[in-house]
C-alpha atoms as a PDB file:
ATOM      1  CA  SER A   1      99.672 -84.016-162.599  1.00  0.00           C
ATOM      2  CA  ALA A   2      99.290 -82.138-159.263  1.00  0.00           C
ATOM      3  CA  ASP A   3     102.550 -83.362-157.927  1.00  0.00           C
ATOM      4  CA  GLY A   4     104.499 -83.521-161.157  1.00  0.00           C
ATOM      5  CA  THR A   5     104.450 -87.269-161.427  1.00  0.00           C
ATOM      6  CA  LEU A   6     103.496 -88.783-164.849  1.00  0.00           C
ATOM      7  CA  ARG A   7     101.048 -91.598-164.096  1.00  0.00           C
ATOM      8  CA  ARG A   8      99.570 -94.234-166.491  1.00  0.00           C
ATOM      9  CA  ILE A   9      96.588 -96.413-165.632  1.00  0.00           C
ATOM     10  CA  ASN A  10      94.817 -99.039-167.674  1.00  0.00           C
ATOM     11  CA  VAL A  11      91.118 -98.814-167.199  1.00  0.00           C
ATOM     12  CA  PRO A  12      88.535 -99.879-169.852  1.00  0.00           C
ATOM     13  CA  ILE A  13      85.912 -97.220-170.556  1.00  0.00           C
ATOM     14  CA  LEU A  14      82.938 -98.817-172.377  1.00  0.00           C
ATOM     15  CA  MET A  15      81.073 -96.763-174.959  1.00  0.00           C
ATOM     16  CA  TYR A  16      77.473 -97.640-175.413  1.00  0.00           C
ATOM     17  CA  HIS A  17      74.839 -95.827-177.426  1.00  0.00           C
ATOM     18  CA  TYR A  18      71.291 -97.365-177.818  1.00  0.00           C
ATOM     19  CA  VAL A  19      70.265-100.016-175.289  1.00  0.00           C
ATOM     20  CA  SER A  20      66.933-100.943-176.701  1.00  0.00           C
ATOM     21  CA  PRO A  21      64.960-103.261-179.075  1.00  0.00           C
ATOM     22  CA  LEU A  22      65.648-102.316-182.626  1.00  0.00           C
ATOM     23  CA  PRO A  23      62.818-100.315-184.305  1.00  0.00           C
ATOM     24  CA  PRO A  24      61.381-101.766-187.504  1.00  0.00           C
ATOM     25  CA  ASN A  25      63.372-100.947-190.626  1.00  0.00           C
ATOM     26  CA  ALA A  26      66.345 -99.872-188.585  1.00  0.00           C
ATOM     27  CA  ASP A  27      69.247 -98.785-190.917  1.00  0.00           C
ATOM     28  CA  GLN A  28      72.735 -99.994-190.679  1.00  0.00           C
ATOM     29  CA  VAL A  29      73.844 -97.079-188.533  1.00  0.00           C
ATOM     30  CA  ARG A  30      71.198 -97.707-185.948  1.00  0.00           C
ATOM     31  CA  VAL A  31      71.933-101.461-185.994  1.00  0.00           C
ATOM     32  CA  GLY A  32      75.646-100.855-185.256  1.00  0.00           C
ATOM     33  CA  LEU A  33      74.780 -98.533-182.319  1.00  0.00           C
ATOM     34  CA  THR A  34      72.140-100.561-180.622  1.00  0.00           C
ATOM     35  CA  ILE A  35      72.315-103.575-178.220  1.00  0.00           C
ATOM     36  CA  SER A  36      69.286-105.117-176.806  1.00  0.00           C
ATOM     37  CA  PRO A  37      68.321-104.864-173.051  1.00  0.00           C
ATOM     38  CA  GLU A  38      68.817-108.616-172.679  1.00  0.00           C
ATOM     39  CA  ILE A  39      72.423-108.397-173.972  1.00  0.00           C
ATOM     40  CA  PHE A  40      73.059-105.376-171.911  1.00  0.00           C
ATOM     41  CA  ARG A  41      71.990-107.257-168.835  1.00  0.00           C
ATOM     42  CA  GLN A  42      74.366-110.042-169.767  1.00  0.00           C
ATOM     43  CA  HIS A  43      77.298-107.559-169.965  1.00  0.00           C
ATOM     44  CA  LEU A  44      76.429-106.216-166.507  1.00  0.00           C
ATOM     45  CA  GLN A  45      76.116-109.831-165.106  1.00  0.00           C
ATOM     46  CA  TYR A  46      79.499-110.765-166.809  1.00  0.00           C
ATOM     47  CA  LEU A  47      81.238-107.589-165.270  1.00  0.00           C
ATOM     48  CA  ARG A  48      79.889-108.544-161.800  1.00  0.00           C
ATOM     49  CA  ASP A  49      80.938-112.286-162.353  1.00  0.00           C
ATOM     50  CA  GLN A  50      84.451-111.100-163.281  1.00  0.00           C
ATOM     51  CA  GLY A  51      84.883-108.777-160.229  1.00  0.00           C
ATOM     52  CA  TYR A  52      84.759-105.437-161.947  1.00  0.00           C
ATOM     53  CA  SER A  53      83.780-102.292-160.074  1.00  0.00           C
ATOM     54  CA  THR A  54      82.332 -99.240-161.815  1.00  0.00           C
ATOM     55  CA  ILE A  55      84.151 -96.057-161.176  1.00  0.00           C
ATOM     56  CA  SER A  56      83.507 -92.512-162.533  1.00  0.00           C
ATOM     57  CA  LEU A  57      85.770 -90.358-164.838  1.00  0.00           C
ATOM     58  CA  TYR A  58      86.317 -88.156-161.723  1.00  0.00           C
ATOM     59  CA  GLU A  59      87.791 -91.196-159.843  1.00  0.00           C
ATOM     60  CA  LEU A  60      90.019 -91.986-162.782  1.00  0.00           C
ATOM     61  CA  HIS A  61      91.010 -88.330-163.053  1.00  0.00           C
ATOM     62  CA  ASN A  62      91.961 -88.144-159.363  1.00  0.00           C
ATOM     63  CA  ALA A  63      93.857 -91.371-159.379  1.00  0.00           C
ATOM     64  CA  LEU A  64      95.835 -89.972-162.319  1.00  0.00           C
ATOM     65  CA  ILE A  65      96.318 -86.490-160.990  1.00  0.00           C
ATOM     66  CA  THR A  66      96.920 -87.185-157.286  1.00  0.00           C
ATOM     67  CA  GLY A  67      97.576 -90.940-157.087  1.00  0.00           C
ATOM     68  CA  THR A  68      94.423 -91.974-155.115  1.00  0.00           C
ATOM     69  CA  SER A  69      93.800 -95.611-155.265  1.00  0.00           C
ATOM     70  CA  LEU A  70      91.253 -97.318-157.457  1.00  0.00           C
ATOM     71  CA  PRO A  71      89.397-100.737-156.835  1.00  0.00           C
ATOM     72  CA  PRO A  72      91.115-103.844-158.163  1.00  0.00           C
ATOM     73  CA  LYS A  73      89.278-104.090-161.421  1.00  0.00           C
ATOM     74  CA  PRO A  74      87.827-100.634-162.217  1.00  0.00           C
ATOM     75  CA  ILE A  75      85.723-100.005-165.340  1.00  0.00           C
ATOM     76  CA  ILE A  76      83.828 -96.948-166.580  1.00  0.00           C
ATOM     77  CA  LEU A  77      80.435 -97.184-168.414  1.00  0.00           C
ATOM     78  CA  THR A  78      79.570 -94.476-170.683  1.00  0.00           C
ATOM     79  CA  PHE A  79      76.471 -93.914-172.707  1.00  0.00           C
ATOM     80  CA  ASP A  80      76.428 -91.253-175.432  1.00  0.00           C
ATOM     81  CA  ASP A  81      73.710 -88.822-176.629  1.00  0.00           C
ATOM     82  CA  GLY A  82      71.032 -89.178-173.922  1.00  0.00           C
ATOM     83  CA  TYR A  83      68.550 -91.433-175.572  1.00  0.00           C
ATOM     84  CA  ILE A  84      65.368 -92.127-173.670  1.00  0.00           C
ATOM     85  CA  ASP A  85      66.314 -95.817-173.139  1.00  0.00           C
ATOM     86  CA  HIS A  86      69.170 -94.463-170.906  1.00  0.00           C
ATOM     87  CA  TYR A  87      66.434 -93.628-168.415  1.00  0.00           C
ATOM     88  CA  THR A  88      63.840 -96.259-169.075  1.00  0.00           C
ATOM     89  CA  ILE A  89      66.284 -99.304-169.482  1.00  0.00           C
ATOM     90  CA  VAL A  90      69.847 -98.543-168.699  1.00  0.00           C
ATOM     91  CA  LEU A  91      69.213 -96.650-165.392  1.00  0.00           C
ATOM     92  CA  PRO A  92      67.094 -99.489-163.774  1.00  0.00           C
ATOM     93  CA  LEU A  93      69.601-102.114-164.879  1.00  0.00           C
ATOM     94  CA  LEU A  94      72.626-100.179-163.409  1.00  0.00           C
ATOM     95  CA  ARG A  95      70.788 -99.722-160.221  1.00  0.00           C
ATOM     96  CA  GLU A  96      69.776-103.370-159.911  1.00  0.00           C
ATOM     97  CA  PHE A  97      73.567-104.216-160.265  1.00  0.00           C
ATOM     98  CA  GLY A  98      74.599-101.307-157.931  1.00  0.00           C
ATOM     99  CA  TYR A  99      76.763 -99.790-160.916  1.00  0.00           C
ATOM    100  CA  THR A 100      77.105 -96.192-161.881  1.00  0.00           C
ATOM    101  CA  GLY A 101      77.308 -94.832-165.352  1.00  0.00           C
ATOM    102  CA  THR A 102      78.412 -91.663-167.198  1.00  0.00           C
ATOM    103  CA  PHE A 103      75.897 -90.241-169.491  1.00  0.00           C
ATOM    104  CA  PHE A 104      76.954 -87.640-172.209  1.00  0.00           C
ATOM    105  CA  ILE A 105      74.015 -85.457-173.015  1.00  0.00           C
ATOM    106  CA  ILE A 106      73.014 -83.422-176.099  1.00  0.00           C
ATOM    107  CA  THR A 107      71.371 -80.690-174.152  1.00  0.00           C
ATOM    108  CA  GLY A 108      69.543 -79.084-177.026  1.00  0.00           C
ATOM    109  CA  LYS A 109      67.442 -82.273-177.311  1.00  0.00           C
ATOM    110  CA  ALA A 110      66.215 -81.747-173.683  1.00  0.00           C
ATOM    111  CA  ASP A 111      65.655 -78.213-174.187  1.00  0.00           C
ATOM    112  CA  THR A 112      63.173 -78.847-176.897  1.00  0.00           C
ATOM    113  CA  ALA A 113      61.844 -82.134-175.261  1.00  0.00           C
ATOM    114  CA  GLU A 114      62.660 -84.043-178.401  1.00  0.00           C
ATOM    115  CA  ALA A 115      61.049 -87.432-178.649  1.00  0.00           C
ATOM    116  CA  ASN A 116      63.249 -90.468-177.944  1.00  0.00           C
ATOM    117  CA  TYR A 117      65.720 -88.267-175.641  1.00  0.00           C
ATOM    118  CA  VAL A 118      65.869 -87.777-171.952  1.00  0.00           C
ATOM    119  CA  THR A 119      64.061 -84.774-170.535  1.00  0.00           C
ATOM    120  CA  TRP A 120      65.497 -82.302-168.045  1.00  0.00           C
ATOM    121  CA  ASP A 121      63.375 -83.835-165.257  1.00  0.00           C
ATOM    122  CA  GLN A 122      64.781 -87.265-166.102  1.00  0.00           C
ATOM    123  CA  ILE A 123      68.394 -85.865-166.305  1.00  0.00           C
ATOM    124  CA  THR A 124      67.903 -84.433-162.780  1.00  0.00           C
ATOM    125  CA  GLU A 125      66.543 -87.579-161.349  1.00  0.00           C
ATOM    126  CA  MET A 126      69.454 -89.573-162.907  1.00  0.00           C
ATOM    127  CA  ALA A 127      71.985 -87.308-161.286  1.00  0.00           C
ATOM    128  CA  ALA A 128      70.166 -87.449-157.985  1.00  0.00           C
ATOM    129  CA  VAL A 129      70.653 -91.205-157.832  1.00  0.00           C
ATOM    130  CA  GLY A 130      74.372 -91.033-158.506  1.00  0.00           C
ATOM    131  CA  MET A 131      74.741 -91.015-162.276  1.00  0.00           C
ATOM    132  CA  ASN A 132      77.170 -88.715-163.935  1.00  0.00           C
ATOM    133  CA  MET A 133      75.485 -86.409-166.432  1.00  0.00           C
ATOM    134  CA  GLU A 134      78.096 -84.868-168.574  1.00  0.00           C
ATOM    135  CA  ALA A 135      78.222 -82.639-171.674  1.00  0.00           C
ATOM    136  CA  HIS A 136      78.053 -83.657-175.350  1.00  0.00           C
ATOM    137  CA  THR A 137      77.381 -80.269-176.799  1.00  0.00           C
ATOM    138  CA  LYS A 138      74.019 -78.645-177.384  1.00  0.00           C
ATOM    139  CA  ASN A 139      73.318 -79.774-180.902  1.00  0.00           C
ATOM    140  CA  HIS A 140      75.887 -82.722-181.678  1.00  0.00           C
ATOM    141  CA  LEU A 141      77.784 -80.472-184.110  1.00  0.00           C
ATOM    142  CA  ASP A 142      81.071 -81.612-185.815  1.00  0.00           C
ATOM    143  CA  LEU A 143      83.452 -79.451-183.740  1.00  0.00           C
ATOM    144  CA  ARG A 144      86.130 -79.244-186.383  1.00  0.00           C
ATOM    145  CA  VAL A 145      86.912 -76.046-188.105  1.00  0.00           C
ATOM    146  CA  ARG A 146      84.456 -73.986-185.919  1.00  0.00           C
ATOM    147  CA  ASP A 147      84.668 -70.363-184.923  1.00  0.00           C
ATOM    148  CA  PHE A 148      85.643 -69.832-181.309  1.00  0.00           C
ATOM    149  CA  ASP A 149      82.114 -68.421-180.548  1.00  0.00           C
ATOM    150  CA  VAL A 150      80.467 -71.537-181.941  1.00  0.00           C
ATOM    151  CA  LEU A 151      82.614 -73.754-179.856  1.00  0.00           C
ATOM    152  CA  VAL A 152      82.061 -71.810-176.645  1.00  0.00           C
ATOM    153  CA  TYR A 153      78.290 -71.755-177.257  1.00  0.00           C
ATOM    154  CA  GLN A 154      78.092 -75.553-177.941  1.00  0.00           C
ATOM    155  CA  ILE A 155      80.450 -76.641-175.109  1.00  0.00           C
ATOM    156  CA  LEU A 156      79.762 -74.076-172.348  1.00  0.00           C
ATOM    157  CA  GLY A 157      76.159 -74.028-173.292  1.00  0.00           C
ATOM    158  CA  SER A 158      75.698 -77.771-172.599  1.00  0.00           C
ATOM    159  CA  ILE A 159      77.819 -77.487-169.455  1.00  0.00           C
ATOM    160  CA  GLU A 160      75.974 -74.656-167.947  1.00  0.00           C
ATOM    161  CA  SER A 161      72.627 -76.263-168.759  1.00  0.00           C
ATOM    162  CA  LEU A 162      73.622 -79.628-167.127  1.00  0.00           C
ATOM    163  CA  GLN A 163      75.039 -77.808-164.006  1.00  0.00           C
ATOM    164  CA  ALA A 164      71.742 -75.758-163.606  1.00  0.00           C
ATOM    165  CA  HIS A 165      69.568 -78.968-163.693  1.00  0.00           C
ATOM    166  CA  THR A 166      71.713 -81.428-161.660  1.00  0.00           C
ATOM    167  CA  ASP A 167      73.463 -79.368-158.998  1.00  0.00           C
ATOM    168  CA  GLN A 168      76.614 -81.197-159.936  1.00  0.00           C
ATOM    169  CA  ALA A 169      79.824 -79.672-161.481  1.00  0.00           C
ATOM    170  CA  THR A 170      79.994 -80.829-165.113  1.00  0.00           C
ATOM    171  CA  ARG A 171      83.717 -81.243-165.837  1.00  0.00           C
ATOM    172  CA  MET A 172      83.692 -84.174-168.436  1.00  0.00           C
ATOM    173  CA  PHE A 173      82.994 -83.829-172.110  1.00  0.00           C
ATOM    174  CA  ALA A 174      82.499 -86.224-175.162  1.00  0.00           C
ATOM    175  CA  TYR A 175      83.180 -84.995-178.557  1.00  0.00           C
ATOM    176  CA  PRO A 176      80.324 -85.505-180.920  1.00  0.00           C
ATOM    177  CA  ALA A 177      81.110 -88.522-183.260  1.00  0.00           C
ATOM    178  CA  GLY A 178      84.706 -88.249-181.935  1.00  0.00           C
ATOM    179  CA  ARG A 179      85.371 -85.206-184.108  1.00  0.00           C
ATOM    180  CA  TYR A 180      87.636 -82.342-182.850  1.00  0.00           C
ATOM    181  CA  ASP A 181      90.718 -80.423-183.539  1.00  0.00           C
ATOM    182  CA  GLU A 182      93.183 -78.271-181.837  1.00  0.00           C
ATOM    183  CA  SER A 183      90.805 -75.280-181.511  1.00  0.00           C
ATOM    184  CA  THR A 184      88.272 -77.756-179.832  1.00  0.00           C
ATOM    185  CA  ILE A 185      90.932 -78.736-177.330  1.00  0.00           C
ATOM    186  CA  ALA A 186      91.995 -75.132-176.605  1.00  0.00           C
ATOM    187  CA  VAL A 187      88.428 -74.147-175.883  1.00  0.00           C
ATOM    188  CA  LEU A 188      87.900 -77.200-173.530  1.00  0.00           C
ATOM    189  CA  GLN A 189      91.186 -76.214-171.714  1.00  0.00           C
ATOM    190  CA  SER A 190      89.994 -72.534-171.369  1.00  0.00           C
ATOM    191  CA  LEU A 191      86.650 -73.684-170.054  1.00  0.00           C
ATOM    192  CA  GLY A 192      88.236 -75.852-167.287  1.00  0.00           C
ATOM    193  CA  VAL A 193      87.191 -79.221-168.695  1.00  0.00           C
ATOM    194  CA  TRP A 194      88.996 -82.062-166.758  1.00  0.00           C
ATOM    195  CA  ARG A 195      88.662 -84.913-169.291  1.00  0.00           C
ATOM    196  CA  ALA A 196      87.344 -85.421-172.744  1.00  0.00           C
ATOM    197  CA  VAL A 197      86.591 -88.773-174.232  1.00  0.00           C
ATOM    198  CA  THR A 198      87.003 -89.725-177.900  1.00  0.00           C
ATOM    199  CA  THR A 199      85.803 -92.538-180.027  1.00  0.00           C
ATOM    200  CA  GLU A 200      89.446 -93.952-180.394  1.00  0.00           C
ATOM    201  CA  ASN A 201      90.000 -97.415-179.230  1.00  0.00           C
ATOM    202  CA  GLY A 202      92.249 -97.957-176.143  1.00  0.00           C
ATOM    203  CA  THR A 203      92.395 -98.249-172.367  1.00  0.00           C
ATOM    204  CA  LEU A 204      95.812 -96.669-171.320  1.00  0.00           C
ATOM    205  CA  HIS A 205      95.211 -93.299-169.778  1.00  0.00           C
ATOM    206  CA  THR A 206      97.850 -90.836-168.600  1.00  0.00           C
ATOM    207  CA  SER A 207      98.015 -87.859-166.344  1.00  0.00           C
ATOM    208  CA  ASP A 208      99.113 -85.499-169.160  1.00  0.00           C
ATOM    209  CA  ASN A 209      96.774 -86.517-172.003  1.00  0.00           C
ATOM    210  CA  LEU A 210      93.577 -85.124-170.421  1.00  0.00           C
ATOM    211  CA  LEU A 211      91.466 -84.284-173.461  1.00  0.00           C
ATOM    212  CA  GLU A 212      91.906 -87.285-175.627  1.00  0.00           C
ATOM    213  CA  VAL A 213      90.724 -90.200-173.527  1.00  0.00           C
ATOM    214  CA  SER A 214      90.280 -93.354-175.385  1.00  0.00           C
ATOM    215  CA  ARG A 215      87.406 -95.824-174.876  1.00  0.00           C
ATOM    216  CA  LEU A 216      86.289 -99.252-176.053  1.00  0.00           C
ATOM    217  CA  ARG A 217      83.325 -99.263-178.604  1.00  0.00           C
ATOM    218  CA  ILE A 218      80.448-101.684-177.892  1.00  0.00           C
ATOM    219  CA  ASN A 219      79.192-102.578-181.412  1.00  0.00           C
ATOM    220  CA  GLY A 220      75.581-103.642-182.130  1.00  0.00           C
ATOM    221  CA  GLU A 221      74.677-106.772-180.395  1.00  0.00           C
ATOM    222  CA  MET A 222      78.143-107.354-179.094  1.00  0.00           C
ATOM    223  CA  SER A 223      77.765-110.695-177.184  1.00  0.00           C
ATOM    224  CA  VAL A 224      79.273-111.337-173.834  1.00  0.00           C
ATOM    225  CA  ALA A 225      82.025-113.173-175.671  1.00  0.00           C
ATOM    226  CA  GLY A 226      82.826-110.106-177.725  1.00  0.00           C
ATOM    227  CA  LEU A 227      82.871-108.047-174.583  1.00  0.00           C
ATOM    228  CA  ALA A 228      85.176-110.544-172.932  1.00  0.00           C
ATOM    229  CA  GLN A 229      87.485-110.415-175.861  1.00  0.00           C
ATOM    230  CA  ILE A 230      87.901-106.611-175.841  1.00  0.00           C
ATOM    231  CA  LEU A 231      88.352-106.579-172.103  1.00  0.00           C
ATOM    232  CA  ALA A 232      91.017-109.410-172.304  1.00  0.00           C
ATOM    233  CA  SER A 233      93.022-107.505-174.998  1.00  0.00           C
ATOM    234  CA  SER A 234      92.755-104.328-172.725  1.00  0.00           C
ATOM    235  CA  HIS A 235      94.189-106.135-169.693  1.00  0.00           C
ATOM    236  CA  SER A 236      97.260-107.071-171.813  1.00  0.00           C
ATOM    237  CA  GLY A 237      97.941-103.451-171.991  1.00  0.00           C
ATOM    238  CA  GLN A 238      97.076-102.648-175.584  1.00  0.00           C
END
């Protein structure tokens, strides 16, 4: 940390993917990654009822590095891949509840205006209303055993595109499908990334483990009871 103090903070970081009605004939992968807008609203209502405050990865980072204070029950809401429902469904619901979210964007999808993904105009708008738009590579590659040039292109390329379209510094990163190795971490360090989130389960964050930040996976149609259960286990320090 900035002052040499090792800090440890317990903050749940929820990992969502699709928030939408299931398409017809959805396969098991899609089912496992999707929660309905109705259930997502129930999640947000539960978080409000329980007194949670949404913070950003930047606020968590600053608390760990410099010891700044966080609200009593902080939580971070993350949304991977940049699906169109993050703009059409998630954004209005977050704003209704006064919450913020962190969205990890596959920038190549926006570059080609791929159907079912957010556009650059939508990304710009989301950033302008206080959402954090962060990097998830250009093409969602498995980043293990890759040449240095490929890693830089995928990681720096997505960071630079986001910075150009949002007027925000892009310092946070999510590994595609949670896959990375020592070379990936070395490139992130060299590019000045502050925090990188994984798909590993956990809520304890430290000032020295910057690029392997654990999260809590929200599985398909996880009820409020299921959400309550994973949050309860996180508050017991697991």
